[in-house]
Protein backbone atom coordinates (compact mmCIF):
# COMPACT_ATOMS: atom_id res chain seq x y z
CA MET A 1 3.70 -17.87 4.85
CA ARG A 2 5.15 -17.64 1.34
CA VAL A 3 4.50 -14.97 -1.31
CA ARG A 4 3.62 -16.52 -4.66
CA ARG A 5 3.39 -13.34 -6.77
CA VAL A 6 2.98 -9.57 -6.61
CA VAL A 7 1.01 -7.87 -9.39
CA PRO A 8 0.03 -4.22 -9.95
CA ASP A 9 -3.72 -3.62 -10.36
CA ILE A 10 -4.43 -0.90 -12.93
CA GLN A 11 -7.76 0.86 -13.44
CA SER A 12 -8.99 0.57 -17.06
CA ASP A 13 -12.10 1.91 -18.74
CA ASP A 14 -11.61 -0.29 -21.82
CA LEU A 15 -10.29 -3.81 -21.29
CA GLU A 16 -10.36 -4.68 -25.00
CA GLU A 17 -8.25 -1.67 -25.97
CA THR A 18 -5.89 -2.41 -23.09
CA ARG A 19 -5.50 -6.06 -24.17
CA THR A 20 -4.72 -4.96 -27.75
CA PHE A 21 -2.12 -2.42 -26.64
CA TYR A 22 -0.26 -4.72 -24.25
CA GLY A 23 -0.48 -7.53 -26.81
CA LEU A 24 1.83 -5.41 -28.95
CA LEU A 25 4.36 -5.75 -26.11
CA GLY A 26 4.02 -9.54 -25.99
CA LEU A 27 1.51 -9.99 -23.15
CA GLU A 28 -1.39 -12.41 -23.57
CA GLU A 29 -4.73 -12.64 -21.78
CA VAL A 30 -4.75 -15.43 -19.19
CA MET A 31 -7.91 -14.48 -17.27
CA ASN A 32 -10.93 -12.31 -18.00
CA LEU A 33 -14.06 -12.06 -15.86
CA GLY A 34 -15.49 -9.08 -17.74
CA TRP A 35 -14.56 -6.58 -15.01
CA VAL A 36 -11.03 -7.82 -14.30
CA MET A 37 -8.47 -9.13 -16.77
CA THR A 38 -4.94 -10.46 -16.33
CA LEU A 39 -2.28 -10.31 -19.02
CA ALA A 40 0.91 -12.34 -18.73
CA SER A 41 4.11 -13.11 -20.55
CA PRO A 42 3.87 -16.50 -22.31
CA GLY A 43 7.52 -17.22 -21.50
CA ASN A 44 7.30 -16.06 -17.88
CA PRO A 45 3.72 -16.54 -16.64
CA THR A 46 4.36 -14.83 -13.29
CA ALA A 47 5.17 -11.57 -15.15
CA GLN A 48 1.63 -10.19 -15.05
CA LEU A 49 -0.50 -7.07 -15.08
CA ILE A 50 -4.06 -6.91 -13.77
CA PHE A 51 -6.53 -4.44 -15.27
CA MET A 52 -9.98 -3.79 -13.85
CA THR A 53 -12.91 -1.55 -14.58
CA HIS A 54 -14.03 -1.87 -10.95
CA ASP A 55 -13.90 -4.52 -8.23
CA LYS A 56 -17.03 -6.68 -8.31
CA THR A 57 -17.26 -7.35 -4.57
CA ALA A 58 -15.20 -4.63 -2.88
CA PRO A 59 -15.76 -0.93 -2.19
CA VAL A 60 -12.53 0.17 -3.94
CA THR A 61 -10.19 -0.94 -6.69
CA PRO A 62 -6.90 -2.15 -5.19
CA ASP A 63 -3.51 -0.78 -6.21
CA MET A 64 -1.81 -4.17 -6.14
CA SER A 65 -2.43 -7.83 -5.45
CA ILE A 66 -0.18 -10.06 -3.38
CA GLU A 67 -0.88 -13.78 -3.59
CA VAL A 68 0.19 -15.77 -0.54
CA ASP A 69 0.04 -19.45 0.27
CA ASP A 70 -1.79 -18.82 3.59
CA VAL A 71 -4.16 -15.87 3.39
CA ASP A 72 -5.64 -16.63 6.83
CA ALA A 73 -2.21 -16.29 8.45
CA ALA A 74 -1.59 -13.06 6.54
CA TYR A 75 -4.94 -11.67 7.73
CA ALA A 76 -4.18 -12.60 11.34
CA ALA A 77 -0.74 -10.97 11.11
CA VAL A 78 -2.13 -7.74 9.63
CA LEU A 79 -4.88 -7.55 12.27
CA THR A 80 -2.29 -7.55 15.07
CA THR A 81 -0.69 -4.38 13.66
CA GLY A 82 -3.85 -2.29 13.68
CA ALA A 83 -3.52 -1.61 9.94
CA GLN A 84 -6.68 -0.34 8.26
CA ILE A 85 -8.71 -3.21 6.82
CA VAL A 86 -10.59 -1.91 3.78
CA ARG A 87 -12.42 -5.19 3.15
CA THR A 88 -12.57 -8.12 5.55
CA LEU A 89 -11.39 -11.63 4.69
CA GLN A 90 -13.96 -13.33 2.45
CA ASP A 91 -14.32 -16.19 0.01
CA GLU A 92 -15.12 -15.23 -3.58
CA GLU A 93 -17.25 -17.20 -6.05
CA TRP A 94 -14.32 -17.44 -8.49
CA GLY A 95 -12.25 -19.53 -6.09
CA VAL A 96 -10.14 -17.13 -4.07
CA ARG A 97 -10.11 -15.99 -0.46
CA ARG A 98 -9.00 -12.39 0.00
CA PHE A 99 -8.97 -9.19 2.01
CA PHE A 100 -7.95 -5.57 1.34
CA VAL A 101 -5.65 -3.60 3.63
CA LYS A 102 -4.08 -0.14 3.38
CA ASP A 103 -0.30 -0.06 3.50
CA PRO A 104 1.60 2.75 5.32
CA ASN A 105 1.57 4.78 2.07
CA GLY A 106 -2.22 4.64 1.74
CA ARG A 107 -2.12 2.06 -1.09
CA VAL A 108 -4.86 -0.56 -1.08
CA VAL A 109 -3.42 -4.09 -1.18
CA ASN A 110 -5.53 -7.07 -2.25
CA VAL A 111 -4.09 -10.00 -0.28
CA VAL A 112 -5.31 -13.18 -1.94
CA GLY A 113 -5.03 -16.94 -1.64
CA HIS A 114 -6.53 -19.64 -3.82
CA GLN A 115 -9.04 -22.01 -2.28
CA ALA A 116 -7.92 -25.65 -2.36
CA SER A 117 -11.28 -26.88 -3.63
CA HIS A 118 -10.77 -24.94 -6.85
CA GLY A 119 -7.66 -26.82 -7.91
CA ASP A 120 -4.11 -25.98 -8.74
CA THR A 121 -2.83 -22.48 -9.50
CA GLY A 122 -1.04 -23.57 -12.66
CA ALA A 123 -1.20 -21.78 -15.97
CA GLY A 124 -4.39 -21.76 -17.97
CA THR A 125 -7.02 -19.44 -19.38
CA ARG A 126 -10.08 -18.10 -17.72
CA THR A 127 -12.67 -16.23 -19.70
CA GLY A 128 -15.88 -15.82 -17.78
CA GLY A 129 -15.97 -19.15 -15.99
CA GLY A 130 -13.09 -21.34 -17.15
CA SER A 131 -10.19 -22.82 -15.23
CA ARG A 132 -8.33 -20.85 -12.61
CA THR A 133 -4.89 -19.42 -13.16
CA PRO A 134 -2.31 -17.72 -10.98
CA ALA A 135 -3.85 -14.54 -12.31
CA ASP A 136 -7.15 -14.78 -10.44
CA GLY A 137 -7.41 -11.74 -8.24
């Protein structure tokens, strides 16, 4: 299993204000589903921040997201340790497969993989229902 990216997930009450502020620092919106938004560096698209008002399908907002190339293998590995699963492995309507687990420090980790049927994880923009990006959480 290979890690593709690690991104902090930050709670935000105002995504528009957040986008404006971080735009001053050179980050651009690459994905926005209304409740979750990813900002990235145009020159280094894996340098990202995720902001969310809440998590649409999970009981908690995660502290970070780790994208892996084989989320099923990651889930199986985590299950063998007895770690606390906060949300079981599930497919999401926006083209990812993910689960939440607590790390030894009590941080909630969103472990995510992109579903093959939803295409490549290359750069692009997603606003509401557009193409997927490596920012989809």
